[in-house]
Amino acid sequence: MENFGSVQARTYAGTLSSALKELRAGPAISGAKERREIGPHLWTLHVARKGRKGRHFVIFRVGSFQGQNVIDVLRLLHDSMDLERHLLPTELDS
C-alpha cells in the first residue's frame, strides 16, 4: 500500500484471494505445478488468474490429515525469488 496505493493494494489482495480460493479445488487446477526438484509433495501456483496480473507464487504441499486430503500453504513469494532458499529445511523434507 505504501508503494503503490490503496487501490492497487485492494486489487492485489483480491488477486491473491482468488488464487487461494481456487486452490481449495486441489492441485489439479490450471497453473499448479508439482515441484519435485525443490522437495517432495511441493507445488507452486502463480497467483495471476483469469486475466489478473500477479508476480507471486503460492508454494504449497499436498498431503493428508485424519484421512482427509489437505493443502498446506507454506509461502507466498515474489516470482523473482529463489524458491528453495526461502523454504525451511523441515518444509523441504516432509
PDB file of N, CA and C in Angstrom:
ATOM      1  N   MET A   1       0.828  -1.177   0.000  1.00  0.00           N
ATOM      2  CA  MET A   1       0.000   0.000   0.000  1.00  0.00           C
ATOM      3  C   MET A   1       0.880   1.252   0.000  1.00  0.00           C
ATOM      4  N   GLU A   2       1.981   1.213   0.760  1.00  0.00           N
ATOM      5  CA  GLU A   2       2.866   2.375   0.833  1.00  0.00           C
ATOM      6  C   GLU A   2       3.479   2.701  -0.527  1.00  0.00           C
ATOM      7  N   ASN A   3       3.815   1.670  -1.303  1.00  0.00           N
ATOM      8  CA  ASN A   3       4.478   1.894  -2.586  1.00  0.00           C
ATOM      9  C   ASN A   3       3.518   2.155  -3.740  1.00  0.00           C
ATOM     10  N   PHE A   4       2.366   1.485  -3.755  1.00  0.00           N
ATOM     11  CA  PHE A   4       1.501   1.533  -4.932  1.00  0.00           C
ATOM     12  C   PHE A   4       0.097   2.071  -4.669  1.00  0.00           C
ATOM     13  N   GLY A   5      -0.235   2.380  -3.424  1.00  0.00           N
ATOM     14  CA  GLY A   5      -1.522   2.977  -3.113  1.00  0.00           C
ATOM     15  C   GLY A   5      -2.581   1.969  -2.703  1.00  0.00           C
ATOM     16  N   SER A   6      -3.650   2.476  -2.129  1.00  0.00           N
ATOM     17  CA  SER A   6      -4.690   1.625  -1.567  1.00  0.00           C
ATOM     18  C   SER A   6      -5.492   0.898  -2.642  1.00  0.00           C
ATOM     19  N   VAL A   7      -5.720   1.516  -3.794  1.00  0.00           N
ATOM     20  CA  VAL A   7      -6.480   0.855  -4.859  1.00  0.00           C
ATOM     21  C   VAL A   7      -5.717  -0.373  -5.346  1.00  0.00           C
ATOM     22  N   GLN A   8      -4.414  -0.208  -5.605  1.00  0.00           N
ATOM     23  CA  GLN A   8      -3.609  -1.342  -6.064  1.00  0.00           C
ATOM     24  C   GLN A   8      -3.508  -2.407  -4.975  1.00  0.00           C
ATOM     25  N   ALA A   9      -3.413  -2.011  -3.724  1.00  0.00           N
ATOM     26  CA  ALA A   9      -3.351  -2.979  -2.621  1.00  0.00           C
ATOM     27  C   ALA A   9      -4.622  -3.820  -2.576  1.00  0.00           C
ATOM     28  N   ARG A  10      -5.773  -3.196  -2.727  1.00  0.00           N
ATOM     29  CA  ARG A  10      -7.043  -3.934  -2.736  1.00  0.00           C
ATOM     30  C   ARG A  10      -7.135  -4.851  -3.951  1.00  0.00           C
ATOM     31  N   THR A  11      -6.693  -4.362  -5.112  1.00  0.00           N
ATOM     32  CA  THR A  11      -6.718  -5.177  -6.330  1.00  0.00           C
ATOM     33  C   THR A  11      -5.839  -6.406  -6.161  1.00  0.00           C
ATOM     34  N   TYR A  12      -4.639  -6.213  -5.639  1.00  0.00           N
ATOM     35  CA  TYR A  12      -3.726  -7.342  -5.489  1.00  0.00           C
ATOM     36  C   TYR A  12      -4.209  -8.305  -4.403  1.00  0.00           C
ATOM     37  N   ALA A  13      -4.794  -7.783  -3.349  1.00  0.00           N
ATOM     38  CA  ALA A  13      -5.370  -8.655  -2.318  1.00  0.00           C
ATOM     39  C   ALA A  13      -6.466  -9.525  -2.922  1.00  0.00           C
ATOM     40  N   GLY A  14      -7.262  -8.957  -3.811  1.00  0.00           N
ATOM     41  CA  GLY A  14      -8.298  -9.730  -4.499  1.00  0.00           C
ATOM     42  C   GLY A  14      -7.699 -10.810  -5.385  1.00  0.00           C
ATOM     43  N   THR A  15      -6.600 -10.503  -6.060  1.00  0.00           N
ATOM     44  CA  THR A  15      -5.916 -11.483  -6.912  1.00  0.00           C
ATOM     45  C   THR A  15      -5.381 -12.630  -6.071  1.00  0.00           C
ATOM     46  N   LEU A  16      -4.754 -12.321  -4.953  1.00  0.00           N
ATOM     47  CA  LEU A  16      -4.230 -13.358  -4.057  1.00  0.00           C
ATOM     48  C   LEU A  16      -5.362 -14.205  -3.497  1.00  0.00           C
ATOM     49  N   SER A  17      -6.425 -13.555  -3.090  1.00  0.00           N
ATOM     50  CA  SER A  17      -7.573 -14.265  -2.535  1.00  0.00           C
ATOM     51  C   SER A  17      -8.179 -15.213  -3.567  1.00  0.00           C
ATOM     52  N   SER A  18      -8.277 -14.753  -4.797  1.00  0.00           N
ATOM     53  CA  SER A  18      -8.822 -15.581  -5.869  1.00  0.00           C
ATOM     54  C   SER A  18      -7.978 -16.835  -6.084  1.00  0.00           C
ATOM     55  N   ALA A  19      -6.671 -16.681  -6.096  1.00  0.00           N
ATOM     56  CA  ALA A  19      -5.776 -17.830  -6.281  1.00  0.00           C
ATOM     57  C   ALA A  19      -5.934 -18.827  -5.137  1.00  0.00           C
ATOM     58  N   LEU A  20      -6.007 -18.332  -3.909  1.00  0.00           N
ATOM     59  CA  LEU A  20      -6.154 -19.230  -2.763  1.00  0.00           C
ATOM     60  C   LEU A  20      -7.506 -19.926  -2.762  1.00  0.00           C
ATOM     61  N   LYS A  21      -8.560 -19.240  -3.149  1.00  0.00           N
ATOM     62  CA  LYS A  21      -9.880 -19.869  -3.236  1.00  0.00           C
ATOM     63  C   LYS A  21      -9.889 -20.972  -4.288  1.00  0.00           C
ATOM     64  N   GLU A  22      -9.270 -20.727  -5.442  1.00  0.00           N
ATOM     65  CA  GLU A  22      -9.203 -21.754  -6.473  1.00  0.00           C
ATOM     66  C   GLU A  22      -8.400 -22.958  -6.012  1.00  0.00           C
ATOM     67  N   LEU A  23      -7.405 -22.714  -5.201  1.00  0.00           N
ATOM     68  CA  LEU A  23      -6.550 -23.798  -4.705  1.00  0.00           C
ATOM     69  C   LEU A  23      -7.320 -24.786  -3.837  1.00  0.00           C
ATOM     70  N   ARG A  24      -8.430 -24.373  -3.273  1.00  0.00           N
ATOM     71  CA  ARG A  24      -9.250 -25.288  -2.474  1.00  0.00           C
ATOM     72  C   ARG A  24      -9.722 -26.482  -3.297  1.00  0.00           C
ATOM     73  N   ALA A  25      -9.789 -26.324  -4.629  1.00  0.00           N
ATOM     74  CA  ALA A  25     -10.227 -27.417  -5.502  1.00  0.00           C
ATOM     75  C   ALA A  25      -9.161 -28.503  -5.650  1.00  0.00           C
ATOM     76  N   GLY A  26      -7.946 -28.214  -5.198  1.00  0.00           N
ATOM     77  CA  GLY A  26      -6.882 -29.208  -5.270  1.00  0.00           C
ATOM     78  C   GLY A  26      -5.808 -28.826  -6.261  1.00  0.00           C
ATOM     79  N   PRO A  27      -4.744 -29.603  -6.292  1.00  0.00           N
ATOM     80  CA  PRO A  27      -3.586 -29.244  -7.107  1.00  0.00           C
ATOM     81  C   PRO A  27      -3.791 -29.427  -8.609  1.00  0.00           C
ATOM     82  N   ALA A  28      -4.898 -29.996  -9.028  1.00  0.00           N
ATOM     83  CA  ALA A  28      -5.134 -30.214 -10.460  1.00  0.00           C
ATOM     84  C   ALA A  28      -5.618 -28.950 -11.173  1.00  0.00           C
ATOM     85  N   ILE A  29      -5.732 -27.834 -10.460  1.00  0.00           N
ATOM     86  CA  ILE A  29      -6.225 -26.613 -11.101  1.00  0.00           C
ATOM     87  C   ILE A  29      -5.193 -26.083 -12.095  1.00  0.00           C
ATOM     88  N   SER A  30      -5.672 -25.312 -13.027  1.00  0.00           N
ATOM     89  CA  SER A  30      -4.823 -24.728 -14.052  1.00  0.00           C
ATOM     90  C   SER A  30      -3.727 -23.866 -13.424  1.00  0.00           C
ATOM     91  N   GLY A  31      -2.504 -24.099 -13.854  1.00  0.00           N
ATOM     92  CA  GLY A  31      -1.384 -23.296 -13.384  1.00  0.00           C
ATOM     93  C   GLY A  31      -0.607 -23.892 -12.233  1.00  0.00           C
ATOM     94  N   ALA A  32      -1.134 -24.905 -11.563  1.00  0.00           N
ATOM     95  CA  ALA A  32      -0.401 -25.541 -10.466  1.00  0.00           C
ATOM     96  C   ALA A  32       0.643 -26.487 -11.045  1.00  0.00           C
ATOM     97  N   LYS A  33       1.837 -26.453 -10.472  1.00  0.00           N
ATOM     98  CA  LYS A  33       2.928 -27.307 -10.948  1.00  0.00           C
ATOM     99  C   LYS A  33       3.571 -28.040  -9.778  1.00  0.00           C
ATOM    100  N   GLU A  34       3.703 -29.342  -9.930  1.00  0.00           N
ATOM    101  CA  GLU A  34       4.427 -30.101  -8.915  1.00  0.00           C
ATOM    102  C   GLU A  34       5.905 -29.762  -9.049  1.00  0.00           C
ATOM    103  N   ARG A  35       6.583 -29.560  -7.912  1.00  0.00           N
ATOM    104  CA  ARG A  35       7.977 -29.114  -7.922  1.00  0.00           C
ATOM    105  C   ARG A  35       8.865 -30.082  -7.154  1.00  0.00           C
ATOM    106  N   ARG A  36       8.975 -31.299  -7.650  1.00  0.00           N
ATOM    107  CA  ARG A  36       9.803 -32.319  -7.009  1.00  0.00           C
ATOM    108  C   ARG A  36      11.261 -31.916  -6.897  1.00  0.00           C
ATOM    109  N   GLU A  37      11.721 -31.045  -7.805  1.00  0.00           N
ATOM    110  CA  GLU A  37      13.122 -30.612  -7.747  1.00  0.00           C
ATOM    111  C   GLU A  37      13.404 -29.767  -6.509  1.00  0.00           C
ATOM    112  N   ILE A  38      12.359 -29.229  -5.908  1.00  0.00           N
ATOM    113  CA  ILE A  38      12.504 -28.441  -4.684  1.00  0.00           C
ATOM    114  C   ILE A  38      12.357 -29.334  -3.461  1.00  0.00           C
ATOM    115  N   GLY A  39      11.350 -30.208  -3.476  1.00  0.00           N
ATOM    116  CA  GLY A  39      11.111 -31.098  -2.344  1.00  0.00           C
ATOM    117  C   GLY A  39       9.899 -31.965  -2.605  1.00  0.00           C
ATOM    118  N   PRO A  40       9.771 -33.044  -1.824  1.00  0.00           N
ATOM    119  CA  PRO A  40       8.640 -33.954  -2.033  1.00  0.00           C
ATOM    120  C   PRO A  40       7.304 -33.295  -1.719  1.00  0.00           C
ATOM    121  N   HIS A  41       6.334 -33.570  -2.550  1.00  0.00           N
ATOM    122  CA  HIS A  41       4.949 -33.122  -2.362  1.00  0.00           C
ATOM    123  C   HIS A  41       4.779 -31.605  -2.435  1.00  0.00           C
ATOM    124  N   LEU A  42       5.785 -30.888  -2.968  1.00  0.00           N
ATOM    125  CA  LEU A  42       5.690 -29.434  -3.077  1.00  0.00           C
ATOM    126  C   LEU A  42       5.173 -29.028  -4.446  1.00  0.00           C
ATOM    127  N   TRP A  43       4.336 -28.002  -4.446  1.00  0.00           N
ATOM    128  CA  TRP A  43       3.726 -27.479  -5.651  1.00  0.00           C
ATOM    129  C   TRP A  43       3.821 -25.960  -5.629  1.00  0.00           C
ATOM    130  N   THR A  44       3.716 -25.347  -6.797  1.00  0.00           N
ATOM    131  CA  THR A  44       3.603 -23.893  -6.883  1.00  0.00           C
ATOM    132  C   THR A  44       2.378 -23.541  -7.717  1.00  0.00           C
ATOM    133  N   LEU A  45       1.843 -22.380  -7.433  1.00  0.00           N
ATOM    134  CA  LEU A  45       0.734 -21.828  -8.194  1.00  0.00           C
ATOM    135  C   LEU A  45       0.997 -20.347  -8.376  1.00  0.00           C
ATOM    136  N   HIS A  46       1.076 -19.920  -9.616  1.00  0.00           N
ATOM    137  CA  HIS A  46       1.243 -18.490  -9.879  1.00  0.00           C
ATOM    138  C   HIS A  46      -0.086 -17.812  -9.578  1.00  0.00           C
ATOM    139  N   VAL A  47      -0.047 -16.658  -8.917  1.00  0.00           N
ATOM    140  CA  VAL A  47      -1.294 -16.013  -8.494  1.00  0.00           C
ATOM    141  C   VAL A  47      -2.025 -15.311  -9.634  1.00  0.00           C
ATOM    142  N   ALA A  48      -1.364 -15.090 -10.756  1.00  0.00           N
ATOM    143  CA  ALA A  48      -2.052 -14.468 -11.893  1.00  0.00           C
ATOM    144  C   ALA A  48      -3.183 -15.395 -12.321  1.00  0.00           C
ATOM    145  N   ARG A  49      -4.411 -14.919 -12.241  1.00  0.00           N
ATOM    146  CA  ARG A  49      -5.581 -15.752 -12.506  1.00  0.00           C
ATOM    147  C   ARG A  49      -6.571 -15.002 -13.370  1.00  0.00           C
ATOM    148  N   LYS A  50      -7.155 -15.696 -14.304  1.00  0.00           N
ATOM    149  CA  LYS A  50      -8.290 -15.174 -15.085  1.00  0.00           C
ATOM    150  C   LYS A  50      -8.081 -13.732 -15.547  1.00  0.00           C
ATOM    151  N   GLY A  51      -6.959 -13.475 -16.180  1.00  0.00           N
ATOM    152  CA  GLY A  51      -6.686 -12.152 -16.704  1.00  0.00           C
ATOM    153  C   GLY A  51      -6.116 -11.155 -15.715  1.00  0.00           C
ATOM    154  N   ARG A  52      -6.064 -11.524 -14.458  1.00  0.00           N
ATOM    155  CA  ARG A  52      -5.472 -10.630 -13.453  1.00  0.00           C
ATOM    156  C   ARG A  52      -3.970 -10.863 -13.413  1.00  0.00           C
ATOM    157  N   LYS A  53      -3.219  -9.792 -13.344  1.00  0.00           N
ATOM    158  CA  LYS A  53      -1.771  -9.895 -13.286  1.00  0.00           C
ATOM    159  C   LYS A  53      -1.334 -10.115 -11.848  1.00  0.00           C
ATOM    160  N   GLY A  54      -0.195 -10.792 -11.710  1.00  0.00           N
ATOM    161  CA  GLY A  54       0.378 -11.014 -10.387  1.00  0.00           C
ATOM    162  C   GLY A  54       1.780 -11.546 -10.530  1.00  0.00           C
ATOM    163  N   ARG A  55       2.651 -11.168  -9.634  1.00  0.00           N
ATOM    164  CA  ARG A  55       4.043 -11.592  -9.726  1.00  0.00           C
ATOM    165  C   ARG A  55       4.456 -12.408  -8.512  1.00  0.00           C
ATOM    166  N   HIS A  56       3.551 -13.177  -7.977  1.00  0.00           N
ATOM    167  CA  HIS A  56       3.860 -14.009  -6.822  1.00  0.00           C
ATOM    168  C   HIS A  56       3.451 -15.458  -7.068  1.00  0.00           C
ATOM    169  N   PHE A  57       4.090 -16.335  -6.318  1.00  0.00           N
ATOM    170  CA  PHE A  57       3.768 -17.757  -6.321  1.00  0.00           C
ATOM    171  C   PHE A  57       3.279 -18.162  -4.948  1.00  0.00           C
ATOM    172  N   VAL A  58       2.300 -19.032  -4.916  1.00  0.00           N
ATOM    173  CA  VAL A  58       1.924 -19.717  -3.687  1.00  0.00           C
ATOM    174  C   VAL A  58       2.697 -21.029  -3.704  1.00  0.00           C
ATOM    175  N   ILE A  59       3.430 -21.301  -2.649  1.00  0.00           N
ATOM    176  CA  ILE A  59       4.116 -22.584  -2.514  1.00  0.00           C
ATOM    177  C   ILE A  59       3.298 -23.393  -1.519  1.00  0.00           C
ATOM    178  N   PHE A  60       2.907 -24.596  -1.936  1.00  0.00           N
ATOM    179  CA  PHE A  60       2.054 -25.397  -1.072  1.00  0.00           C
ATOM    180  C   PHE A  60       2.434 -26.866  -1.135  1.00  0.00           C
ATOM    181  N   ARG A  61       1.974 -27.600  -0.147  1.00  0.00           N
ATOM    182  CA  ARG A  61       2.205 -29.037  -0.046  1.00  0.00           C
ATOM    183  C   ARG A  61       0.860 -29.734  -0.072  1.00  0.00           C
ATOM    184  N   VAL A  62       0.838 -30.858  -0.738  1.00  0.00           N
ATOM    185  CA  VAL A  62      -0.359 -31.692  -0.782  1.00  0.00           C
ATOM    186  C   VAL A  62      -0.115 -32.866   0.161  1.00  0.00           C
ATOM    187  N   GLY A  63      -1.064 -33.114   1.030  1.00  0.00           N
ATOM    188  CA  GLY A  63      -0.925 -34.220   1.975  1.00  0.00           C
ATOM    189  C   GLY A  63      -2.277 -34.670   2.483  1.00  0.00           C
ATOM    190  N   SER A  64      -2.235 -35.352   3.608  1.00  0.00           N
ATOM    191  CA  SER A  64      -3.487 -35.795   4.218  1.00  0.00           C
ATOM    192  C   SER A  64      -3.411 -35.580   5.721  1.00  0.00           C
ATOM    193  N   PHE A  65      -4.577 -35.410   6.318  1.00  0.00           N
ATOM    194  CA  PHE A  65      -4.695 -35.233   7.763  1.00  0.00           C
ATOM    195  C   PHE A  65      -5.984 -35.900   8.188  1.00  0.00           C
ATOM    196  N   GLN A  66      -5.870 -36.861   9.079  1.00  0.00           N
ATOM    197  CA  GLN A  66      -7.025 -37.611   9.576  1.00  0.00           C
ATOM    198  C   GLN A  66      -7.883 -38.138   8.433  1.00  0.00           C
ATOM    199  N   GLY A  67      -7.206 -38.673   7.407  1.00  0.00           N
ATOM    200  CA  GLY A  67      -7.915 -39.277   6.288  1.00  0.00           C
ATOM    201  C   GLY A  67      -8.460 -38.311   5.251  1.00  0.00           C
ATOM    202  N   GLN A  68      -8.245 -37.038   5.448  1.00  0.00           N
ATOM    203  CA  GLN A  68      -8.726 -36.021   4.505  1.00  0.00           C
ATOM    204  C   GLN A  68      -7.546 -35.473   3.699  1.00  0.00           C
ATOM    205  N   ASN A  69      -7.764 -35.215   2.411  1.00  0.00           N
ATOM    206  CA  ASN A  69      -6.749 -34.531   1.618  1.00  0.00           C
ATOM    207  C   ASN A  69      -6.683 -33.077   2.059  1.00  0.00           C
ATOM    208  N   VAL A  70      -5.465 -32.572   2.211  1.00  0.00           N
ATOM    209  CA  VAL A  70      -5.279 -31.188   2.640  1.00  0.00           C
ATOM    210  C   VAL A  70      -4.230 -30.508   1.773  1.00  0.00           C
ATOM    211  N   ILE A  71      -4.346 -29.209   1.689  1.00  0.00           N
ATOM    212  CA  ILE A  71      -3.337 -28.379   1.051  1.00  0.00           C
ATOM    213  C   ILE A  71      -2.807 -27.441   2.121  1.00  0.00           C
ATOM    214  N   ASP A  72      -1.512 -27.493   2.320  1.00  0.00           N
ATOM    215  CA  ASP A  72      -0.841 -26.683   3.325  1.00  0.00           C
ATOM    216  C   ASP A  72      -0.063 -25.592   2.606  1.00  0.00           C
ATOM    217  N   VAL A  73      -0.518 -24.343   2.711  1.00  0.00           N
ATOM    218  CA  VAL A  73       0.171 -23.221   2.081  1.00  0.00           C
ATOM    219  C   VAL A  73       1.386 -22.880   2.935  1.00  0.00           C
ATOM    220  N   LEU A  74       2.566 -22.940   2.309  1.00  0.00           N
ATOM    221  CA  LEU A  74       3.811 -22.727   3.026  1.00  0.00           C
ATOM    222  C   LEU A  74       4.329 -21.301   2.911  1.00  0.00           C
ATOM    223  N   ARG A  75       4.273 -20.760   1.715  1.00  0.00           N
ATOM    224  CA  ARG A  75       4.828 -19.435   1.484  1.00  0.00           C
ATOM    225  C   ARG A  75       4.097 -18.752   0.327  1.00  0.00           C
ATOM    226  N   LEU A  76       4.219 -17.453   0.307  1.00  0.00           N
ATOM    227  CA  LEU A  76       3.813 -16.631  -0.816  1.00  0.00           C
ATOM    228  C   LEU A  76       5.042 -15.804  -1.153  1.00  0.00           C
ATOM    229  N   LEU A  77       5.631 -16.046  -2.337  1.00  0.00           N
ATOM    230  CA  LEU A  77       6.887 -15.397  -2.692  1.00  0.00           C
ATOM    231  C   LEU A  77       6.785 -14.706  -4.050  1.00  0.00           C
ATOM    232  N   HIS A  78       7.535 -13.649  -4.196  1.00  0.00           N
ATOM    233  CA  HIS A  78       7.639 -12.968  -5.482  1.00  0.00           C
ATOM    234  C   HIS A  78       8.292 -13.898  -6.490  1.00  0.00           C
ATOM    235  N   ASP A  79       7.879 -13.822  -7.754  1.00  0.00           N
ATOM    236  CA  ASP A  79       8.379 -14.773  -8.744  1.00  0.00           C
ATOM    237  C   ASP A  79       9.853 -14.613  -9.090  1.00  0.00           C
ATOM    238  N   SER A  80      10.506 -13.562  -8.621  1.00  0.00           N
ATOM    239  CA  SER A  80      11.940 -13.402  -8.858  1.00  0.00           C
ATOM    240  C   SER A  80      12.786 -14.045  -7.754  1.00  0.00           C
ATOM    241  N   MET A  81      12.153 -14.530  -6.705  1.00  0.00           N
ATOM    242  CA  MET A  81      12.893 -15.108  -5.576  1.00  0.00           C
ATOM    243  C   MET A  81      13.290 -16.551  -5.847  1.00  0.00           C
ATOM    244  N   ASP A  82      14.382 -16.961  -5.227  1.00  0.00           N
ATOM    245  CA  ASP A  82      14.843 -18.342  -5.272  1.00  0.00           C
ATOM    246  C   ASP A  82      13.967 -19.144  -4.309  1.00  0.00           C
ATOM    247  N   LEU A  83      13.086 -19.983  -4.853  1.00  0.00           N
ATOM    248  CA  LEU A  83      12.110 -20.690  -4.033  1.00  0.00           C
ATOM    249  C   LEU A  83      12.765 -21.546  -2.953  1.00  0.00           C
ATOM    250  N   GLU A  84      13.773 -22.308  -3.336  1.00  0.00           N
ATOM    251  CA  GLU A  84      14.409 -23.227  -2.390  1.00  0.00           C
ATOM    252  C   GLU A  84      15.049 -22.485  -1.219  1.00  0.00           C
ATOM    253  N   ARG A  85      15.601 -21.331  -1.483  1.00  0.00           N
ATOM    254  CA  ARG A  85      16.270 -20.547  -0.443  1.00  0.00           C
ATOM    255  C   ARG A  85      15.296 -20.061   0.634  1.00  0.00           C
ATOM    256  N   HIS A  86      14.032 -19.905   0.278  1.00  0.00           N
ATOM    257  CA  HIS A  86      13.052 -19.344   1.194  1.00  0.00           C
ATOM    258  C   HIS A  86      12.157 -20.381   1.861  1.00  0.00           C
ATOM    259  N   LEU A  87      12.517 -21.638   1.722  1.00  0.00           N
ATOM    260  CA  LEU A  87      11.785 -22.706   2.429  1.00  0.00           C
ATOM    261  C   LEU A  87      12.650 -23.237   3.546  1.00  0.00           C
ATOM    262  N   LEU A  88      12.027 -23.580   4.646  1.00  0.00           N
ATOM    263  CA  LEU A  88      12.759 -24.163   5.772  1.00  0.00           C
ATOM    264  C   LEU A  88      13.129 -25.595   5.454  1.00  0.00           C
ATOM    265  N   PRO A  89      14.235 -26.101   6.000  1.00  0.00           N
ATOM    266  CA  PRO A  89      14.616 -27.498   5.757  1.00  0.00           C
ATOM    267  C   PRO A  89      13.502 -28.480   6.103  1.00  0.00           C
ATOM    268  N   THR A  90      12.731 -28.193   7.136  1.00  0.00           N
ATOM    269  CA  THR A  90      11.637 -29.086   7.513  1.00  0.00           C
ATOM    270  C   THR A  90      10.525 -29.101   6.473  1.00  0.00           C
ATOM    271  N   GLU A  91      10.360 -27.994   5.760  1.00  0.00           N
ATOM    272  CA  GLU A  91       9.345 -27.938   4.694  1.00  0.00           C
ATOM    273  C   GLU A  91       9.804 -28.712   3.464  1.00  0.00           C
ATOM    274  N   LEU A  92      11.113 -28.757   3.237  1.00  0.00           N
ATOM    275  CA  LEU A  92      11.653 -29.473   2.093  1.00  0.00           C
ATOM    276  C   LEU A  92      11.644 -30.986   2.287  1.00  0.00           C
ATOM    277  N   ASP A  93      11.778 -31.438   3.520  1.00  0.00           N
ATOM    278  CA  ASP A  93      11.918 -32.864   3.796  1.00  0.00           C
ATOM    279  C   ASP A  93      10.618 -33.595   4.047  1.00  0.00           C
ATOM    280  N   SER A  94       9.561 -32.904   4.331  1.00  0.00           N
ATOM    281  CA  SER A  94       8.315 -33.553   4.724  1.00  0.00           C
ATOM    282  C   SER A  94       7.653 -34.262   3.562  1.00  0.00           C
TER     283      SER A  94
END
